[in-house]
Amino acid sequence: RRLWDRGELTATDLALVPLGTGNDFARTVG
C-alpha cells in the first residue's frame, strides 16, 4: 500500500518471508 501511494510499486523488486499467523498470500504463490 505504501509503495503504491508513493508511486514506486511497479519499479520495486519485492520478496516475502512469511512470519505472520495466517500467511495466506504466501500459500497462494507457493
Full PDB file with SEQRES, HELIX, SHEET, SSBOND, CRYST1, ORIGX, SCALE, CONECT and MASTER records, all heavy atoms in Angstrom:
SEQRES   1 A   30  ARG ARG LEU TRP ASP ARG GLY GLU LEU THR ALA THR ASP          
SEQRES   2 A   30  LEU ALA LEU VAL PRO LEU GLY THR GLY ASN ASP PHE ALA          
SEQRES   3 A   30  ARG THR VAL GLY                                              
HELIX    1 AA1 ARG A    2  ASP A    5  1                                   4    
HELIX    2 AA2 ASP A   24  VAL A   29  1                                   6    
CRYST1    1.000    1.000    1.000  90.00  90.00  90.00 P 1           1          
ORIGX1      1.000000  0.000000  0.000000        0.00000                         
ORIGX2      0.000000  1.000000  0.000000        0.00000                         
ORIGX3      0.000000  0.000000  1.000000        0.00000                         
SCALE1      1.000000  0.000000  0.000000        0.00000                         
SCALE2      0.000000  1.000000  0.000000        0.00000                         
SCALE3      0.000000  0.000000  1.000000        0.00000                         
ATOM      1  N   ARG A   1       0.832  -1.207   0.000  1.00  0.00           N  
ATOM      2  CA  ARG A   1       0.000   0.000   0.000  1.00  0.00           C  
ATOM      3  C   ARG A   1       0.868   1.259   0.000  1.00  0.00           C  
ATOM      4  O   ARG A   1       0.600   2.213  -0.737  1.00  0.00           O  
ATOM      5  CB  ARG A   1      -0.924  -0.012   1.217  1.00  0.00           C  
ATOM      6  CG  ARG A   1      -1.654   1.324   1.497  1.00  0.00           C  
ATOM      7  CD  ARG A   1      -2.624   1.673   0.375  1.00  0.00           C  
ATOM      8  NE  ARG A   1      -3.166   3.017   0.509  1.00  0.00           N  
ATOM      9  CZ  ARG A   1      -4.309   3.307   1.143  1.00  0.00           C  
ATOM     10  NH1 ARG A   1      -5.010   2.343   1.731  1.00  0.00           N  
ATOM     11  NH2 ARG A   1      -4.751   4.539   1.176  1.00  0.00           N  
ATOM     12  N   ARG A   2       1.911   1.262   0.825  1.00  0.00           N  
ATOM     13  CA  ARG A   2       2.744   2.471   0.893  1.00  0.00           C  
ATOM     14  C   ARG A   2       3.508   2.692  -0.409  1.00  0.00           C  
ATOM     15  O   ARG A   2       3.634   3.825  -0.881  1.00  0.00           O  
ATOM     16  CB  ARG A   2       3.708   2.371   2.073  1.00  0.00           C  
ATOM     17  CG  ARG A   2       4.369   3.702   2.397  1.00  0.00           C  
ATOM     18  CD  ARG A   2       3.343   4.713   2.835  1.00  0.00           C  
ATOM     19  NE  ARG A   2       3.896   6.079   2.863  1.00  0.00           N  
ATOM     20  CZ  ARG A   2       3.265   7.138   2.376  1.00  0.00           C  
ATOM     21  NH1 ARG A   2       2.058   7.019   1.840  1.00  0.00           N  
ATOM     22  NH2 ARG A   2       3.816   8.330   2.440  1.00  0.00           N  
ATOM     23  N   LEU A   3       4.018   1.623  -0.989  1.00  0.00           N  
ATOM     24  CA  LEU A   3       4.709   1.750  -2.275  1.00  0.00           C  
ATOM     25  C   LEU A   3       3.757   2.241  -3.361  1.00  0.00           C  
ATOM     26  O   LEU A   3       4.131   3.057  -4.217  1.00  0.00           O  
ATOM     27  CB  LEU A   3       5.325   0.407  -2.674  1.00  0.00           C  
ATOM     28  CG  LEU A   3       6.570  -0.018  -1.890  1.00  0.00           C  
ATOM     29  CD1 LEU A   3       6.870  -1.494  -2.153  1.00  0.00           C  
ATOM     30  CD2 LEU A   3       7.775   0.847  -2.261  1.00  0.00           C  
ATOM     31  N   TRP A   4       2.510   1.746  -3.333  1.00  0.00           N  
ATOM     32  CA  TRP A   4       1.504   2.198  -4.300  1.00  0.00           C  
ATOM     33  C   TRP A   4       1.230   3.691  -4.124  1.00  0.00           C  
ATOM     34  O   TRP A   4       1.195   4.444  -5.095  1.00  0.00           O  
ATOM     35  CB  TRP A   4       0.226   1.384  -4.114  1.00  0.00           C  
ATOM     36  CG  TRP A   4      -0.937   1.850  -4.942  1.00  0.00           C  
ATOM     37  CD1 TRP A   4      -1.985   2.623  -4.523  1.00  0.00           C  
ATOM     38  CD2 TRP A   4      -1.183   1.576  -6.329  1.00  0.00           C  
ATOM     39  NE1 TRP A   4      -2.863   2.843  -5.553  1.00  0.00           N  
ATOM     40  CE2 TRP A   4      -2.398   2.216  -6.675  1.00  0.00           C  
ATOM     41  CE3 TRP A   4      -0.500   0.847  -7.293  1.00  0.00           C  
ATOM     42  CZ2 TRP A   4      -2.934   2.147  -7.955  1.00  0.00           C  
ATOM     43  CZ3 TRP A   4      -1.033   0.778  -8.585  1.00  0.00           C  
ATOM     44  CH2 TRP A   4      -2.233   1.430  -8.900  1.00  0.00           C  
ATOM     45  N   ASP A   5       1.051   4.122  -2.894  1.00  0.00           N  
ATOM     46  CA  ASP A   5       0.776   5.528  -2.615  1.00  0.00           C  
ATOM     47  C   ASP A   5       1.936   6.421  -3.050  1.00  0.00           C  
ATOM     48  O   ASP A   5       1.725   7.564  -3.477  1.00  0.00           O  
ATOM     49  CB  ASP A   5       0.509   5.741  -1.124  1.00  0.00           C  
ATOM     50  CG  ASP A   5      -0.837   5.189  -0.676  1.00  0.00           C  
ATOM     51  OD1 ASP A   5      -1.669   4.878  -1.544  1.00  0.00           O  
ATOM     52  OD2 ASP A   5      -1.047   5.055   0.549  1.00  0.00           O  
ATOM     53  N   ARG A   6       3.161   5.910  -2.924  1.00  0.00           N  
ATOM     54  CA  ARG A   6       4.346   6.680  -3.292  1.00  0.00           C  
ATOM     55  C   ARG A   6       4.649   6.614  -4.790  1.00  0.00           C  
ATOM     56  O   ARG A   6       5.579   7.276  -5.260  1.00  0.00           O  
ATOM     57  CB  ARG A   6       5.558   6.157  -2.520  1.00  0.00           C  
ATOM     58  CG  ARG A   6       5.563   6.487  -1.043  1.00  0.00           C  
ATOM     59  CD  ARG A   6       6.580   5.639  -0.273  1.00  0.00           C  
ATOM     60  NE  ARG A   6       7.942   5.756  -0.782  1.00  0.00           N  
ATOM     61  CZ  ARG A   6       8.943   6.377  -0.138  1.00  0.00           C  
ATOM     62  NH1 ARG A   6       8.715   6.936   1.056  1.00  0.00           N  
ATOM     63  NH2 ARG A   6      10.150   6.415  -0.655  1.00  0.00           N  
ATOM     64  N   GLY A   7       3.880   5.820  -5.533  1.00  0.00           N  
ATOM     65  CA  GLY A   7       4.126   5.679  -6.958  1.00  0.00           C  
ATOM     66  C   GLY A   7       5.356   4.864  -7.286  1.00  0.00           C  
ATOM     67  O   GLY A   7       5.905   4.970  -8.393  1.00  0.00           O  
ATOM     68  N   GLU A   8       5.789   4.000  -6.351  1.00  0.00           N  
ATOM     69  CA  GLU A   8       7.033   3.246  -6.508  1.00  0.00           C  
ATOM     70  C   GLU A   8       6.825   1.741  -6.606  1.00  0.00           C  
ATOM     71  O   GLU A   8       7.790   0.982  -6.716  1.00  0.00           O  
ATOM     72  CB  GLU A   8       7.961   3.555  -5.323  1.00  0.00           C  
ATOM     73  CG  GLU A   8       8.345   5.020  -5.223  1.00  0.00           C  
ATOM     74  CD  GLU A   8       9.019   5.361  -3.903  1.00  0.00           C  
ATOM     75  OE1 GLU A   8       9.197   4.452  -3.067  1.00  0.00           O  
ATOM     76  OE2 GLU A   8       9.350   6.541  -3.696  1.00  0.00           O  
ATOM     77  N   LEU A   9       5.568   1.289  -6.584  1.00  0.00           N  
ATOM     78  CA  LEU A   9       5.322  -0.148  -6.501  1.00  0.00           C  
ATOM     79  C   LEU A   9       5.807  -0.883  -7.740  1.00  0.00           C  
ATOM     80  O   LEU A   9       6.464  -1.924  -7.647  1.00  0.00           O  
ATOM     81  CB  LEU A   9       3.829  -0.411  -6.277  1.00  0.00           C  
ATOM     82  CG  LEU A   9       3.421  -1.875  -6.151  1.00  0.00           C  
ATOM     83  CD1 LEU A   9       4.129  -2.544  -4.990  1.00  0.00           C  
ATOM     84  CD2 LEU A   9       1.910  -2.006  -5.989  1.00  0.00           C  
ATOM     85  N   THR A  10       5.493  -0.361  -8.909  1.00  0.00           N  
ATOM     86  CA  THR A  10       5.817  -1.060 -10.154  1.00  0.00           C  
ATOM     87  C   THR A  10       7.317  -1.310 -10.289  1.00  0.00           C  
ATOM     88  O   THR A  10       7.741  -2.359 -10.804  1.00  0.00           O  
ATOM     89  CB  THR A  10       5.313  -0.248 -11.362  1.00  0.00           C  
ATOM     90  OG1 THR A  10       3.903  -0.094 -11.266  1.00  0.00           O  
ATOM     91  CG2 THR A  10       5.646  -0.955 -12.667  1.00  0.00           C  
ATOM     92  N   ALA A  11       8.132  -0.381  -9.811  1.00  0.00           N  
ATOM     93  CA  ALA A  11       9.577  -0.471 -10.012  1.00  0.00           C  
ATOM     94  C   ALA A  11      10.311  -1.174  -8.880  1.00  0.00           C  
ATOM     95  O   ALA A  11      11.528  -1.344  -8.940  1.00  0.00           O  
ATOM     96  CB  ALA A  11      10.151   0.933 -10.197  1.00  0.00           C  
ATOM     97  N   THR A  12       9.594  -1.601  -7.833  1.00  0.00           N  
ATOM     98  CA  THR A  12      10.248  -2.201  -6.663  1.00  0.00           C  
ATOM     99  C   THR A  12      10.298  -3.719  -6.790  1.00  0.00           C  
ATOM    100  O   THR A  12       9.309  -4.365  -7.143  1.00  0.00           O  
ATOM    101  CB  THR A  12       9.510  -1.808  -5.372  1.00  0.00           C  
ATOM    102  OG1 THR A  12       9.508  -0.377  -5.245  1.00  0.00           O  
ATOM    103  CG2 THR A  12      10.191  -2.406  -4.159  1.00  0.00           C  
ATOM    104  N   ASP A  13      11.466  -4.269  -6.492  1.00  0.00           N  
ATOM    105  CA  ASP A  13      11.687  -5.717  -6.505  1.00  0.00           C  
ATOM    106  C   ASP A  13      11.382  -6.241  -5.104  1.00  0.00           C  
ATOM    107  O   ASP A  13      12.164  -6.048  -4.173  1.00  0.00           O  
ATOM    108  CB  ASP A  13      13.149  -5.979  -6.894  1.00  0.00           C  
ATOM    109  CG  ASP A  13      13.494  -7.461  -6.919  1.00  0.00           C  
ATOM    110  OD1 ASP A  13      12.576  -8.291  -7.038  1.00  0.00           O  
ATOM    111  OD2 ASP A  13      14.701  -7.786  -6.835  1.00  0.00           O  
ATOM    112  N   LEU A  14      10.225  -6.898  -4.945  1.00  0.00           N  
ATOM    113  CA  LEU A  14       9.752  -7.346  -3.632  1.00  0.00           C  
ATOM    114  C   LEU A  14       9.972  -8.838  -3.421  1.00  0.00           C  
ATOM    115  O   LEU A  14       9.931  -9.642  -4.365  1.00  0.00           O  
ATOM    116  CB  LEU A  14       8.266  -7.039  -3.476  1.00  0.00           C  
ATOM    117  CG  LEU A  14       7.888  -5.650  -2.972  1.00  0.00           C  
ATOM    118  CD1 LEU A  14       6.422  -5.366  -3.260  1.00  0.00           C  
ATOM    119  CD2 LEU A  14       8.162  -5.524  -1.480  1.00  0.00           C  
ATOM    120  N   ALA A  15      10.196  -9.189  -2.169  1.00  0.00           N  
ATOM    121  CA  ALA A  15      10.245 -10.587  -1.746  1.00  0.00           C  
ATOM    122  C   ALA A  15       9.450 -10.702  -0.458  1.00  0.00           C  
ATOM    123  O   ALA A  15       9.196  -9.706   0.222  1.00  0.00           O  
ATOM    124  CB  ALA A  15      11.684 -11.044  -1.537  1.00  0.00           C  
ATOM    125  N   LEU A  16       9.044 -11.924  -0.123  1.00  0.00           N  
ATOM    126  CA  LEU A  16       8.245 -12.175   1.070  1.00  0.00           C  
ATOM    127  C   LEU A  16       8.796 -13.375   1.818  1.00  0.00           C  
ATOM    128  O   LEU A  16       9.002 -14.447   1.237  1.00  0.00           O  
ATOM    129  CB  LEU A  16       6.779 -12.438   0.685  1.00  0.00           C  
ATOM    130  CG  LEU A  16       5.836 -12.882   1.804  1.00  0.00           C  
ATOM    131  CD1 LEU A  16       5.690 -11.797   2.871  1.00  0.00           C  
ATOM    132  CD2 LEU A  16       4.467 -13.261   1.237  1.00  0.00           C  
ATOM    133  N   VAL A  17       9.042 -13.178   3.110  1.00  0.00           N  
ATOM    134  CA  VAL A  17       9.391 -14.282   4.010  1.00  0.00           C  
ATOM    135  C   VAL A  17       8.295 -14.333   5.073  1.00  0.00           C  
ATOM    136  O   VAL A  17       8.185 -13.423   5.897  1.00  0.00           O  
ATOM    137  CB  VAL A  17      10.769 -14.071   4.671  1.00  0.00           C  
ATOM    138  CG1 VAL A  17      11.058 -15.213   5.648  1.00  0.00           C  
ATOM    139  CG2 VAL A  17      11.865 -13.993   3.614  1.00  0.00           C  
ATOM    140  N   PRO A  18       7.448 -15.357   5.057  1.00  0.00           N  
ATOM    141  CA  PRO A  18       6.270 -15.372   5.938  1.00  0.00           C  
ATOM    142  C   PRO A  18       6.623 -15.580   7.410  1.00  0.00           C  
ATOM    143  O   PRO A  18       7.263 -16.557   7.766  1.00  0.00           O  
ATOM    144  CB  PRO A  18       5.429 -16.532   5.389  1.00  0.00           C  
ATOM    145  CG  PRO A  18       6.392 -17.406   4.658  1.00  0.00           C  
ATOM    146  CD  PRO A  18       7.477 -16.512   4.142  1.00  0.00           C  
ATOM    147  N   LEU A  19       6.190 -14.637   8.221  1.00  0.00           N  
ATOM    148  CA  LEU A  19       6.347 -14.757   9.669  1.00  0.00           C  
ATOM    149  C   LEU A  19       5.074 -14.314  10.384  1.00  0.00           C  
ATOM    150  O   LEU A  19       5.135 -13.881  11.528  1.00  0.00           O  
ATOM    151  CB  LEU A  19       7.526 -13.906  10.158  1.00  0.00           C  
ATOM    152  CG  LEU A  19       8.854 -14.625  10.392  1.00  0.00           C  
ATOM    153  CD1 LEU A  19       9.910 -13.644  10.912  1.00  0.00           C  
ATOM    154  CD2 LEU A  19       8.719 -15.785  11.351  1.00  0.00           C  
ATOM    155  N   GLY A  20       3.936 -14.392   9.691  1.00  0.00           N  
ATOM    156  CA  GLY A  20       2.674 -13.998  10.301  1.00  0.00           C  
ATOM    157  C   GLY A  20       1.933 -15.187  10.870  1.00  0.00           C  
ATOM    158  O   GLY A  20       2.458 -16.298  10.946  1.00  0.00           O  
ATOM    159  N   THR A  21       0.679 -14.960  11.249  1.00  0.00           N  
ATOM    160  CA  THR A  21      -0.140 -16.048  11.779  1.00  0.00           C  
ATOM    161  C   THR A  21      -0.946 -16.741  10.690  1.00  0.00           C  
ATOM    162  O   THR A  21      -1.294 -17.908  10.828  1.00  0.00           O  
ATOM    163  CB  THR A  21      -1.109 -15.522  12.849  1.00  0.00           C  
ATOM    164  OG1 THR A  21      -1.880 -14.447  12.297  1.00  0.00           O  
ATOM    165  CG2 THR A  21      -0.344 -14.998  14.053  1.00  0.00           C  
ATOM    166  N   GLY A  22      -1.239 -16.035   9.586  1.00  0.00           N  
ATOM    167  CA  GLY A  22      -2.033 -16.619   8.515  1.00  0.00           C  
ATOM    168  C   GLY A  22      -1.214 -16.981   7.295  1.00  0.00           C  
ATOM    169  O   GLY A  22      -1.296 -18.076   6.765  1.00  0.00           O  
ATOM    170  N   ASN A  23      -0.418 -16.025   6.816  1.00  0.00           N  
ATOM    171  CA  ASN A  23       0.457 -16.235   5.659  1.00  0.00           C  
ATOM    172  C   ASN A  23      -0.300 -16.755   4.445  1.00  0.00           C  
ATOM    173  O   ASN A  23       0.187 -17.621   3.710  1.00  0.00           O  
ATOM    174  CB  ASN A  23       1.597 -17.196   6.021  1.00  0.00           C  
ATOM    175  CG  ASN A  23       2.436 -16.687   7.177  1.00  0.00           C  
ATOM    176  OD1 ASN A  23       2.806 -15.519   7.224  1.00  0.00           O  
ATOM    177  ND2 ASN A  23       2.723 -17.550   8.128  1.00  0.00           N  
ATOM    178  N   ASP A  24      -1.477 -16.208   4.212  1.00  0.00           N  
ATOM    179  CA  ASP A  24      -2.310 -16.747   3.146  1.00  0.00           C  
ATOM    180  C   ASP A  24      -1.779 -16.430   1.749  1.00  0.00           C  
ATOM    181  O   ASP A  24      -1.873 -17.273   0.852  1.00  0.00           O  
ATOM    182  CB  ASP A  24      -3.749 -16.243   3.302  1.00  0.00           C  
ATOM    183  CG  ASP A  24      -4.477 -16.969   4.414  1.00  0.00           C  
ATOM    184  OD1 ASP A  24      -4.694 -18.184   4.274  1.00  0.00           O  
ATOM    185  OD2 ASP A  24      -4.804 -16.349   5.429  1.00  0.00           O  
ATOM    186  N   PHE A  25      -1.234 -15.234   1.546  1.00  0.00           N  
ATOM    187  CA  PHE A  25      -0.749 -14.940   0.199  1.00  0.00           C  
ATOM    188  C   PHE A  25       0.471 -15.782  -0.132  1.00  0.00           C  
ATOM    189  O   PHE A  25       0.641 -16.217  -1.278  1.00  0.00           O  
ATOM    190  CB  PHE A  25      -0.435 -13.454   0.037  1.00  0.00           C  
ATOM    191  CG  PHE A  25      -0.352 -13.049  -1.408  1.00  0.00           C  
ATOM    192  CD1 PHE A  25      -1.498 -12.987  -2.193  1.00  0.00           C  
ATOM    193  CD2 PHE A  25       0.864 -12.751  -1.993  1.00  0.00           C  
ATOM    194  CE1 PHE A  25      -1.431 -12.643  -3.539  1.00  0.00           C  
ATOM    195  CE2 PHE A  25       0.947 -12.396  -3.335  1.00  0.00           C  
ATOM    196  CZ  PHE A  25      -0.210 -12.339  -4.112  1.00  0.00           C  
ATOM    197  N   ALA A  26       1.311 -16.059   0.855  1.00  0.00           N  
ATOM    198  CA  ALA A  26       2.445 -16.958   0.629  1.00  0.00           C  
ATOM    199  C   ALA A  26       1.953 -18.330   0.173  1.00  0.00           C  
ATOM    200  O   ALA A  26       2.559 -18.965  -0.703  1.00  0.00           O  
ATOM    201  CB  ALA A  26       3.278 -17.091   1.898  1.00  0.00           C  
ATOM    202  N   ARG A  27       0.858 -18.804   0.731  1.00  0.00           N  
ATOM    203  CA  ARG A  27       0.292 -20.090   0.327  1.00  0.00           C  
ATOM    204  C   ARG A  27      -0.096 -20.065  -1.151  1.00  0.00           C  
ATOM    205  O   ARG A  27       0.152 -21.022  -1.898  1.00  0.00           O  
ATOM    206  CB  ARG A  27      -0.948 -20.417   1.173  1.00  0.00           C  
ATOM    207  CG  ARG A  27      -0.687 -20.594   2.650  1.00  0.00           C  
ATOM    208  CD  ARG A  27      -1.993 -20.671   3.436  1.00  0.00           C  
ATOM    209  NE  ARG A  27      -1.782 -20.529   4.853  1.00  0.00           N  
ATOM    210  CZ  ARG A  27      -1.557 -21.543   5.691  1.00  0.00           C  
ATOM    211  NH1 ARG A  27      -1.541 -22.779   5.240  1.00  0.00           N  
ATOM    212  NH2 ARG A  27      -1.371 -21.313   6.982  1.00  0.00           N  
ATOM    213  N   THR A  28      -0.728 -18.965  -1.576  1.00  0.00           N  
ATOM    214  CA  THR A  28      -1.186 -18.877  -2.962  1.00  0.00           C  
ATOM    215  C   THR A  28      -0.035 -18.894  -3.943  1.00  0.00           C  
ATOM    216  O   THR A  28      -0.112 -19.548  -4.987  1.00  0.00           O  
ATOM    217  CB  THR A  28      -2.025 -17.595  -3.164  1.00  0.00           C  
ATOM    218  OG1 THR A  28      -3.274 -17.750  -2.470  1.00  0.00           O  
ATOM    219  CG2 THR A  28      -2.328 -17.340  -4.633  1.00  0.00           C  
ATOM    220  N   VAL A  29       1.050 -18.180  -3.644  1.00  0.00           N  
ATOM    221  CA  VAL A  29       2.154 -18.060  -4.613  1.00  0.00           C  
ATOM    222  C   VAL A  29       3.230 -19.113  -4.414  1.00  0.00           C  
ATOM    223  O   VAL A  29       4.241 -19.100  -5.116  1.00  0.00           O  
ATOM    224  CB  VAL A  29       2.769 -16.646  -4.581  1.00  0.00           C  
ATOM    225  CG1 VAL A  29       1.734 -15.606  -4.983  1.00  0.00           C  
ATOM    226  CG2 VAL A  29       3.368 -16.311  -3.220  1.00  0.00           C  
ATOM    227  N   GLY A  30       3.039 -20.027  -3.466  1.00  0.00           N  
ATOM    228  CA  GLY A  30       3.946 -21.165  -3.335  1.00  0.00           C  
ATOM    229  C   GLY A  30       5.200 -20.916  -2.533  1.00  0.00           C  
ATOM    230  O   GLY A  30       6.154 -21.693  -2.621  1.00  0.00           O  
TER     231      GLY A  30                                                      
MASTER        0    0    0    2    0    0    0    6  230    1    0    3          
END                                                                             
